[in-house]
Amino acid sequence: MAIKDAIERAIAYFAYACKRQLFRDGNKRTSTIVASKILIESGNGILTIGKDHAEEFNTALNNWYLNDERKPLEDCLRKCIKTLEL
């Protein structure tokens, strides 16, 4: 909650929860849901990793897990935030 910007907070939560493996199973799914909750509550859309970003996401997440390279994951997640356009 110390991160004021909701998008940054959602991305930070996702990265933290995935890497720390907070749950026995479903860490990416659960992290996506919680990040989406943060985004929805602030009116910033939802986090959805679709097929257009799947390869980039997998590479970035792997680099985060193995090499502590967080920026590529953050950049990818920003691209995966979808908003409702009226």
PDB file of N, CA and C in Angstrom:
ATOM      1  N   MET A   1       0.822  -1.204   0.000  1.00  0.00           N
ATOM      2  CA  MET A   1       0.000   0.000   0.000  1.00  0.00           C
ATOM      3  C   MET A   1       0.860   1.260   0.000  1.00  0.00           C
ATOM      4  N   ALA A   2       2.148   1.115   0.266  1.00  0.00           N
ATOM      5  CA  ALA A   2       3.024   2.279   0.268  1.00  0.00           C
ATOM      6  C   ALA A   2       3.204   2.845  -1.139  1.00  0.00           C
ATOM      7  N   ILE A   3       2.949   2.044  -2.155  1.00  0.00           N
ATOM      8  CA  ILE A   3       3.063   2.512  -3.536  1.00  0.00           C
ATOM      9  C   ILE A   3       1.743   3.174  -3.902  1.00  0.00           C
ATOM     10  N   LYS A   4       1.769   4.461  -4.114  1.00  0.00           N
ATOM     11  CA  LYS A   4       0.534   5.227  -4.348  1.00  0.00           C
ATOM     12  C   LYS A   4      -0.090   4.964  -5.713  1.00  0.00           C
ATOM     13  N   ASP A   5       0.719   4.851  -6.756  1.00  0.00           N
ATOM     14  CA  ASP A   5       0.194   4.631  -8.101  1.00  0.00           C
ATOM     15  C   ASP A   5      -0.322   3.197  -8.213  1.00  0.00           C
ATOM     16  N   ALA A   6      -1.594   3.055  -8.548  1.00  0.00           N
ATOM     17  CA  ALA A   6      -2.233   1.738  -8.573  1.00  0.00           C
ATOM     18  C   ALA A   6      -1.602   0.807  -9.607  1.00  0.00           C
ATOM     19  N   ILE A   7      -1.226   1.324 -10.749  1.00  0.00           N
ATOM     20  CA  ILE A   7      -0.598   0.483 -11.769  1.00  0.00           C
ATOM     21  C   ILE A   7       0.735  -0.046 -11.255  1.00  0.00           C
ATOM     22  N   GLU A   8       1.530   0.837 -10.676  1.00  0.00           N
ATOM     23  CA  GLU A   8       2.820   0.414 -10.121  1.00  0.00           C
ATOM     24  C   GLU A   8       2.623  -0.578  -8.976  1.00  0.00           C
ATOM     25  N   ARG A   9       1.598  -0.363  -8.151  1.00  0.00           N
ATOM     26  CA  ARG A   9       1.311  -1.268  -7.034  1.00  0.00           C
ATOM     27  C   ARG A   9       0.905  -2.644  -7.546  1.00  0.00           C
ATOM     28  N   ALA A  10       0.056  -2.678  -8.576  1.00  0.00           N
ATOM     29  CA  ALA A  10      -0.385  -3.949  -9.150  1.00  0.00           C
ATOM     30  C   ALA A  10       0.794  -4.712  -9.749  1.00  0.00           C
ATOM     31  N   ILE A  11       1.644  -4.027 -10.469  1.00  0.00           N
ATOM     32  CA  ILE A  11       2.814  -4.659 -11.081  1.00  0.00           C
ATOM     33  C   ILE A  11       3.777  -5.154 -10.007  1.00  0.00           C
ATOM     34  N   ALA A  12       4.004  -4.340  -8.998  1.00  0.00           N
ATOM     35  CA  ALA A  12       4.906  -4.734  -7.909  1.00  0.00           C
ATOM     36  C   ALA A  12       4.365  -5.951  -7.173  1.00  0.00           C
ATOM     37  N   TYR A  13       3.046  -5.972  -6.918  1.00  0.00           N
ATOM     38  CA  TYR A  13       2.464  -7.130  -6.245  1.00  0.00           C
ATOM     39  C   TYR A  13       2.639  -8.381  -7.101  1.00  0.00           C
ATOM     40  N   PHE A  14       2.316  -8.274  -8.384  1.00  0.00           N
ATOM     41  CA  PHE A  14       2.433  -9.426  -9.275  1.00  0.00           C
ATOM     42  C   PHE A  14       3.855  -9.989  -9.245  1.00  0.00           C
ATOM     43  N   ALA A  15       4.833  -9.120  -9.418  1.00  0.00           N
ATOM     44  CA  ALA A  15       6.229  -9.571  -9.457  1.00  0.00           C
ATOM     45  C   ALA A  15       6.633 -10.215  -8.128  1.00  0.00           C
ATOM     46  N   TYR A  16       6.276  -9.577  -7.031  1.00  0.00           N
ATOM     47  CA  TYR A  16       6.631 -10.096  -5.718  1.00  0.00           C
ATOM     48  C   TYR A  16       5.985 -11.457  -5.460  1.00  0.00           C
ATOM     49  N   ALA A  17       4.679 -11.541  -5.659  1.00  0.00           N
ATOM     50  CA  ALA A  17       3.942 -12.768  -5.336  1.00  0.00           C
ATOM     51  C   ALA A  17       4.381 -13.939  -6.210  1.00  0.00           C
ATOM     52  N   CYS A  18       4.633 -13.680  -7.480  1.00  0.00           N
ATOM     53  CA  CYS A  18       5.094 -14.763  -8.355  1.00  0.00           C
ATOM     54  C   CYS A  18       6.455 -15.279  -7.920  1.00  0.00           C
ATOM     55  N   LYS A  19       7.370 -14.368  -7.675  1.00  0.00           N
ATOM     56  CA  LYS A  19       8.725 -14.800  -7.338  1.00  0.00           C
ATOM     57  C   LYS A  19       8.795 -15.455  -5.962  1.00  0.00           C
ATOM     58  N   ARG A  20       8.033 -14.969  -5.015  1.00  0.00           N
ATOM     59  CA  ARG A  20       8.088 -15.500  -3.653  1.00  0.00           C
ATOM     60  C   ARG A  20       7.272 -16.779  -3.481  1.00  0.00           C
ATOM     61  N   GLN A  21       6.495 -17.145  -4.520  1.00  0.00           N
ATOM     62  CA  GLN A  21       5.709 -18.377  -4.474  1.00  0.00           C
ATOM     63  C   GLN A  21       4.897 -18.454  -3.174  1.00  0.00           C
ATOM     64  N   LEU A  22       4.011 -17.482  -2.998  1.00  0.00           N
ATOM     65  CA  LEU A  22       3.229 -17.370  -1.769  1.00  0.00           C
ATOM     66  C   LEU A  22       2.233 -18.509  -1.587  1.00  0.00           C
ATOM     67  N   PHE A  23       1.873 -19.151  -2.674  1.00  0.00           N
ATOM     68  CA  PHE A  23       0.860 -20.197  -2.628  1.00  0.00           C
ATOM     69  C   PHE A  23       1.458 -21.522  -3.095  1.00  0.00           C
ATOM     70  N   ARG A  24       0.857 -22.585  -2.683  1.00  0.00           N
ATOM     71  CA  ARG A  24       1.352 -23.904  -3.069  1.00  0.00           C
ATOM     72  C   ARG A  24       1.233 -24.128  -4.578  1.00  0.00           C
ATOM     73  N   ASP A  25       0.163 -23.620  -5.162  1.00  0.00           N
ATOM     74  CA  ASP A  25      -0.090 -23.788  -6.590  1.00  0.00           C
ATOM     75  C   ASP A  25      -0.831 -22.544  -7.088  1.00  0.00           C
ATOM     76  N   GLY A  26      -0.704 -22.242  -8.359  1.00  0.00           N
ATOM     77  CA  GLY A  26      -1.473 -21.164  -8.968  1.00  0.00           C
ATOM     78  C   GLY A  26      -0.954 -19.771  -8.675  1.00  0.00           C
ATOM     79  N   ASN A  27       0.335 -19.627  -8.475  1.00  0.00           N
ATOM     80  CA  ASN A  27       0.891 -18.327  -8.125  1.00  0.00           C
ATOM     81  C   ASN A  27       0.669 -17.265  -9.204  1.00  0.00           C
ATOM     82  N   LYS A  28       0.876 -17.618 -10.467  1.00  0.00           N
ATOM     83  CA  LYS A  28       0.660 -16.639 -11.537  1.00  0.00           C
ATOM     84  C   LYS A  28      -0.822 -16.304 -11.675  1.00  0.00           C
ATOM     85  N   ARG A  29      -1.685 -17.312 -11.594  1.00  0.00           N
ATOM     86  CA  ARG A  29      -3.132 -17.059 -11.694  1.00  0.00           C
ATOM     87  C   ARG A  29      -3.614 -16.170 -10.555  1.00  0.00           C
ATOM     88  N   THR A  30      -3.213 -16.513  -9.343  1.00  0.00           N
ATOM     89  CA  THR A  30      -3.640 -15.737  -8.191  1.00  0.00           C
ATOM     90  C   THR A  30      -3.065 -14.329  -8.242  1.00  0.00           C
ATOM     91  N   SER A  31      -1.817 -14.198  -8.630  1.00  0.00           N
ATOM     92  CA  SER A  31      -1.192 -12.876  -8.742  1.00  0.00           C
ATOM     93  C   SER A  31      -1.884 -12.024  -9.789  1.00  0.00           C
ATOM     94  N   THR A  32      -2.303 -12.642 -10.884  1.00  0.00           N
ATOM     95  CA  THR A  32      -3.036 -11.919 -11.928  1.00  0.00           C
ATOM     96  C   THR A  32      -4.376 -11.416 -11.402  1.00  0.00           C
ATOM     97  N   ILE A  33      -5.062 -12.244 -10.641  1.00  0.00           N
ATOM     98  CA  ILE A  33      -6.361 -11.846 -10.080  1.00  0.00           C
ATOM     99  C   ILE A  33      -6.197 -10.690  -9.099  1.00  0.00           C
ATOM    100  N   VAL A  34      -5.221 -10.792  -8.206  1.00  0.00           N
ATOM    101  CA  VAL A  34      -5.023  -9.724  -7.217  1.00  0.00           C
ATOM    102  C   VAL A  34      -4.573  -8.437  -7.901  1.00  0.00           C
ATOM    103  N   ALA A  35      -3.676  -8.537  -8.866  1.00  0.00           N
ATOM    104  CA  ALA A  35      -3.242  -7.344  -9.603  1.00  0.00           C
ATOM    105  C   ALA A  35      -4.424  -6.718 -10.334  1.00  0.00           C
ATOM    106  N   SER A  36      -5.283  -7.550 -10.912  1.00  0.00           N
ATOM    107  CA  SER A  36      -6.475  -7.030 -11.589  1.00  0.00           C
ATOM    108  C   SER A  36      -7.414  -6.352 -10.601  1.00  0.00           C
ATOM    109  N   LYS A  37      -7.551  -6.885  -9.412  1.00  0.00           N
ATOM    110  CA  LYS A  37      -8.383  -6.263  -8.379  1.00  0.00           C
ATOM    111  C   LYS A  37      -7.873  -4.861  -8.062  1.00  0.00           C
ATOM    112  N   ILE A  38      -6.564  -4.730  -7.913  1.00  0.00           N
ATOM    113  CA  ILE A  38      -5.963  -3.419  -7.644  1.00  0.00           C
ATOM    114  C   ILE A  38      -6.271  -2.458  -8.790  1.00  0.00           C
ATOM    115  N   LEU A  39      -6.122  -2.947 -10.015  1.00  0.00           N
ATOM    116  CA  LEU A  39      -6.374  -2.108 -11.191  1.00  0.00           C
ATOM    117  C   LEU A  39      -7.849  -1.740 -11.317  1.00  0.00           C
ATOM    118  N   ILE A  40      -8.738  -2.686 -11.109  1.00  0.00           N
ATOM    119  CA  ILE A  40     -10.179  -2.435 -11.225  1.00  0.00           C
ATOM    120  C   ILE A  40     -10.619  -1.404 -10.196  1.00  0.00           C
ATOM    121  N   GLU A  41     -10.183  -1.572  -8.954  1.00  0.00           N
ATOM    122  CA  GLU A  41     -10.581  -0.639  -7.894  1.00  0.00           C
ATOM    123  C   GLU A  41     -10.147   0.789  -8.184  1.00  0.00           C
ATOM    124  N   SER A  42      -9.068   0.950  -8.917  1.00  0.00           N
ATOM    125  CA  SER A  42      -8.573   2.290  -9.235  1.00  0.00           C
ATOM    126  C   SER A  42      -9.040   2.782 -10.603  1.00  0.00           C
ATOM    127  N   GLY A  43      -9.823   1.957 -11.292  1.00  0.00           N
ATOM    128  CA  GLY A  43     -10.322   2.350 -12.606  1.00  0.00           C
ATOM    129  C   GLY A  43      -9.295   2.254 -13.715  1.00  0.00           C
ATOM    130  N   ASN A  44      -8.292   1.389 -13.531  1.00  0.00           N
ATOM    131  CA  ASN A  44      -7.210   1.280 -14.508  1.00  0.00           C
ATOM    132  C   ASN A  44      -7.266   0.039 -15.378  1.00  0.00           C
ATOM    133  N   GLY A  45      -8.360  -0.717 -15.363  1.00  0.00           N
ATOM    134  CA  GLY A  45      -8.486  -1.881 -16.237  1.00  0.00           C
ATOM    135  C   GLY A  45      -8.217  -3.188 -15.527  1.00  0.00           C
ATOM    136  N   ILE A  46      -7.726  -4.168 -16.299  1.00  0.00           N
ATOM    137  CA  ILE A  46      -7.386  -5.482 -15.766  1.00  0.00           C
ATOM    138  C   ILE A  46      -6.059  -5.935 -16.357  1.00  0.00           C
ATOM    139  N   LEU A  47      -5.435  -6.877 -15.660  1.00  0.00           N
ATOM    140  CA  LEU A  47      -4.200  -7.475 -16.160  1.00  0.00           C
ATOM    141  C   LEU A  47      -4.554  -8.782 -16.851  1.00  0.00           C
ATOM    142  N   THR A  48      -4.208  -8.887 -18.106  1.00  0.00           N
ATOM    143  CA  THR A  48      -4.459 -10.109 -18.855  1.00  0.00           C
ATOM    144  C   THR A  48      -3.290 -10.360 -19.802  1.00  0.00           C
ATOM    145  N   ILE A  49      -2.660 -11.498 -19.642  1.00  0.00           N
ATOM    146  CA  ILE A  49      -1.535 -11.853 -20.501  1.00  0.00           C
ATOM    147  C   ILE A  49      -2.084 -12.699 -21.638  1.00  0.00           C
ATOM    148  N   GLY A  50      -2.302 -12.077 -22.764  1.00  0.00           N
ATOM    149  CA  GLY A  50      -2.860 -12.769 -23.916  1.00  0.00           C
ATOM    150  C   GLY A  50      -1.778 -13.351 -24.806  1.00  0.00           C
ATOM    151  N   LYS A  51      -2.224 -13.975 -25.879  1.00  0.00           N
ATOM    152  CA  LYS A  51      -1.277 -14.643 -26.777  1.00  0.00           C
ATOM    153  C   LYS A  51      -0.315 -13.668 -27.445  1.00  0.00           C
ATOM    154  N   ASP A  52      -0.730 -12.409 -27.606  1.00  0.00           N
ATOM    155  CA  ASP A  52       0.156 -11.421 -28.230  1.00  0.00           C
ATOM    156  C   ASP A  52       1.399 -11.137 -27.396  1.00  0.00           C
ATOM    157  N   HIS A  53       1.301 -11.331 -26.080  1.00  0.00           N
ATOM    158  CA  HIS A  53       2.422 -11.024 -25.189  1.00  0.00           C
ATOM    159  C   HIS A  53       2.964 -12.249 -24.465  1.00  0.00           C
ATOM    160  N   ALA A  54       2.471 -13.424 -24.799  1.00  0.00           N
ATOM    161  CA  ALA A  54       2.827 -14.638 -24.058  1.00  0.00           C
ATOM    162  C   ALA A  54       4.329 -14.939 -24.093  1.00  0.00           C
ATOM    163  N   GLU A  55       4.933 -14.868 -25.246  1.00  0.00           N
ATOM    164  CA  GLU A  55       6.360 -15.191 -25.342  1.00  0.00           C
ATOM    165  C   GLU A  55       7.207 -14.163 -24.589  1.00  0.00           C
ATOM    166  N   GLU A  56       6.891 -12.890 -24.780  1.00  0.00           N
ATOM    167  CA  GLU A  56       7.614 -11.836 -24.065  1.00  0.00           C
ATOM    168  C   GLU A  56       7.438 -12.009 -22.552  1.00  0.00           C
ATOM    169  N   PHE A  57       6.213 -12.307 -22.127  1.00  0.00           N
ATOM    170  CA  PHE A  57       5.932 -12.501 -20.715  1.00  0.00           C
ATOM    171  C   PHE A  57       6.738 -13.668 -20.153  1.00  0.00           C
ATOM    172  N   ASN A  58       6.724 -14.800 -20.835  1.00  0.00           N
ATOM    173  CA  ASN A  58       7.451 -15.974 -20.348  1.00  0.00           C
ATOM    174  C   ASN A  58       8.945 -15.707 -20.227  1.00  0.00           C
ATOM    175  N   THR A  59       9.505 -15.022 -21.205  1.00  0.00           N
ATOM    176  CA  THR A  59      10.929 -14.679 -21.161  1.00  0.00           C
ATOM    177  C   THR A  59      11.216 -13.721 -20.017  1.00  0.00           C
ATOM    178  N   ALA A  60      10.388 -12.691 -19.887  1.00  0.00           N
ATOM    179  CA  ALA A  60      10.593 -11.692 -18.829  1.00  0.00           C
ATOM    180  C   ALA A  60      10.427 -12.315 -17.442  1.00  0.00           C
ATOM    181  N   LEU A  61       9.427 -13.163 -17.272  1.00  0.00           N
ATOM    182  CA  LEU A  61       9.212 -13.800 -15.977  1.00  0.00           C
ATOM    183  C   LEU A  61      10.376 -14.731 -15.636  1.00  0.00           C
ATOM    184  N   ASN A  62      10.849 -15.463 -16.623  1.00  0.00           N
ATOM    185  CA  ASN A  62      12.004 -16.339 -16.417  1.00  0.00           C
ATOM    186  C   ASN A  62      13.232 -15.532 -15.994  1.00  0.00           C
ATOM    187  N   ASN A  63      13.467 -14.407 -16.649  1.00  0.00           N
ATOM    188  CA  ASN A  63      14.600 -13.548 -16.281  1.00  0.00           C
ATOM    189  C   ASN A  63      14.431 -12.964 -14.883  1.00  0.00           C
ATOM    190  N   TRP A  64      13.214 -12.681 -14.493  1.00  0.00           N
ATOM    191  CA  TRP A  64      12.943 -12.192 -13.138  1.00  0.00           C
ATOM    192  C   TRP A  64      13.259 -13.289 -12.121  1.00  0.00           C
ATOM    193  N   TYR A  65      12.780 -14.498 -12.401  1.00  0.00           N
ATOM    194  CA  TYR A  65      13.037 -15.621 -11.490  1.00  0.00           C
ATOM    195  C   TYR A  65      14.525 -15.932 -11.361  1.00  0.00           C
ATOM    196  N   LEU A  66      15.213 -16.017 -12.473  1.00  0.00           N
ATOM    197  CA  LEU A  66      16.589 -16.513 -12.475  1.00  0.00           C
ATOM    198  C   LEU A  66      17.654 -15.438 -12.293  1.00  0.00           C
ATOM    199  N   ASN A  67      17.392 -14.229 -12.799  1.00  0.00           N
ATOM    200  CA  ASN A  67      18.440 -13.202 -12.838  1.00  0.00           C
ATOM    201  C   ASN A  67      18.082 -11.905 -12.113  1.00  0.00           C
ATOM    202  N   ASP A  68      16.929 -11.875 -11.447  1.00  0.00           N
ATOM    203  CA  ASP A  68      16.456 -10.666 -10.745  1.00  0.00           C
ATOM    204  C   ASP A  68      16.301  -9.457 -11.669  1.00  0.00           C
ATOM    205  N   GLU A  69      16.041  -9.708 -12.954  1.00  0.00           N
ATOM    206  CA  GLU A  69      15.802  -8.622 -13.915  1.00  0.00           C
ATOM    207  C   GLU A  69      14.312  -8.304 -13.905  1.00  0.00           C
ATOM    208  N   ARG A  70      13.928  -7.290 -13.140  1.00  0.00           N
ATOM    209  CA  ARG A  70      12.512  -6.981 -12.959  1.00  0.00           C
ATOM    210  C   ARG A  70      11.959  -6.036 -14.028  1.00  0.00           C
ATOM    211  N   LYS A  71      12.777  -5.137 -14.531  1.00  0.00           N
ATOM    212  CA  LYS A  71      12.288  -4.113 -15.476  1.00  0.00           C
ATOM    213  C   LYS A  71      11.627  -4.703 -16.713  1.00  0.00           C
ATOM    214  N   PRO A  72      12.209  -5.714 -17.386  1.00  0.00           N
ATOM    215  CA  PRO A  72      11.518  -6.279 -18.553  1.00  0.00           C
ATOM    216  C   PRO A  72      10.138  -6.853 -18.205  1.00  0.00           C
ATOM    217  N   LEU A  73      10.005  -7.452 -17.023  1.00  0.00           N
ATOM    218  CA  LEU A  73       8.701  -7.957 -16.600  1.00  0.00           C
ATOM    219  C   LEU A  73       7.736  -6.805 -16.384  1.00  0.00           C
ATOM    220  N   GLU A  74       8.184  -5.757 -15.722  1.00  0.00           N
ATOM    221  CA  GLU A  74       7.329  -4.589 -15.492  1.00  0.00           C
ATOM    222  C   GLU A  74       6.864  -3.987 -16.815  1.00  0.00           C
ATOM    223  N   ASP A  75       7.781  -3.846 -17.763  1.00  0.00           N
ATOM    224  CA  ASP A  75       7.437  -3.287 -19.071  1.00  0.00           C
ATOM    225  C   ASP A  75       6.402  -4.155 -19.779  1.00  0.00           C
ATOM    226  N   CYS A  76       6.587  -5.468 -19.722  1.00  0.00           N
ATOM    227  CA  CYS A  76       5.650  -6.389 -20.354  1.00  0.00           C
ATOM    228  C   CYS A  76       4.276  -6.300 -19.682  1.00  0.00           C
ATOM    229  N   LEU A  77       4.253  -6.281 -18.358  1.00  0.00           N
ATOM    230  CA  LEU A  77       2.974  -6.224 -17.650  1.00  0.00           C
ATOM    231  C   LEU A  77       2.211  -4.948 -17.966  1.00  0.00           C
ATOM    232  N   ARG A  78       2.921  -3.835 -18.133  1.00  0.00           N
ATOM    233  CA  ARG A  78       2.237  -2.584 -18.513  1.00  0.00           C
ATOM    234  C   ARG A  78       1.506  -2.752 -19.853  1.00  0.00           C
ATOM    235  N   LYS A  79       2.107  -3.488 -20.779  1.00  0.00           N
ATOM    236  CA  LYS A  79       1.471  -3.738 -22.079  1.00  0.00           C
ATOM    237  C   LYS A  79       0.253  -4.645 -21.936  1.00  0.00           C
ATOM    238  N   CYS A  80       0.184  -5.407 -20.859  1.00  0.00           N
ATOM    239  CA  CYS A  80      -0.882  -6.388 -20.661  1.00  0.00           C
ATOM    240  C   CYS A  80      -2.055  -5.850 -19.849  1.00  0.00           C
ATOM    241  N   ILE A  81      -2.032  -4.571 -19.533  1.00  0.00           N
ATOM    242  CA  ILE A  81      -3.161  -3.957 -18.833  1.00  0.00           C
ATOM    243  C   ILE A  81      -4.158  -3.488 -19.882  1.00  0.00           C
ATOM    244  N   LYS A  82      -5.360  -4.014 -19.785  1.00  0.00           N
ATOM    245  CA  LYS A  82      -6.418  -3.701 -20.744  1.00  0.00           C
ATOM    246  C   LYS A  82      -7.461  -2.815 -20.072  1.00  0.00           C
ATOM    247  N   THR A  83      -7.892  -1.805 -20.800  1.00  0.00           N
ATOM    248  CA  THR A  83      -8.928  -0.913 -20.297  1.00  0.00           C
ATOM    249  C   THR A  83     -10.153  -1.021 -21.196  1.00  0.00           C
ATOM    250  N   LEU A  84     -11.276  -0.627 -20.646  1.00  0.00           N
ATOM    251  CA  LEU A  84     -12.521  -0.603 -21.407  1.00  0.00           C
ATOM    252  C   LEU A  84     -12.572   0.729 -22.159  1.00  0.00           C
ATOM    253  N   GLU A  85     -12.591   0.636 -23.455  1.00  0.00           N
ATOM    254  CA  GLU A  85     -12.660   1.851 -24.273  1.00  0.00           C
ATOM    255  C   GLU A  85     -14.067   2.002 -24.780  1.00  0.00           C
ATOM    256  N   LEU A  86     -14.677   3.116 -24.425  1.00  0.00           N
ATOM    257  CA  LEU A  86     -16.059   3.369 -24.842  1.00  0.00           C
ATOM    258  C   LEU A  86     -16.124   4.141 -26.130  1.00  0.00           C
TER     259      LEU A  86
END
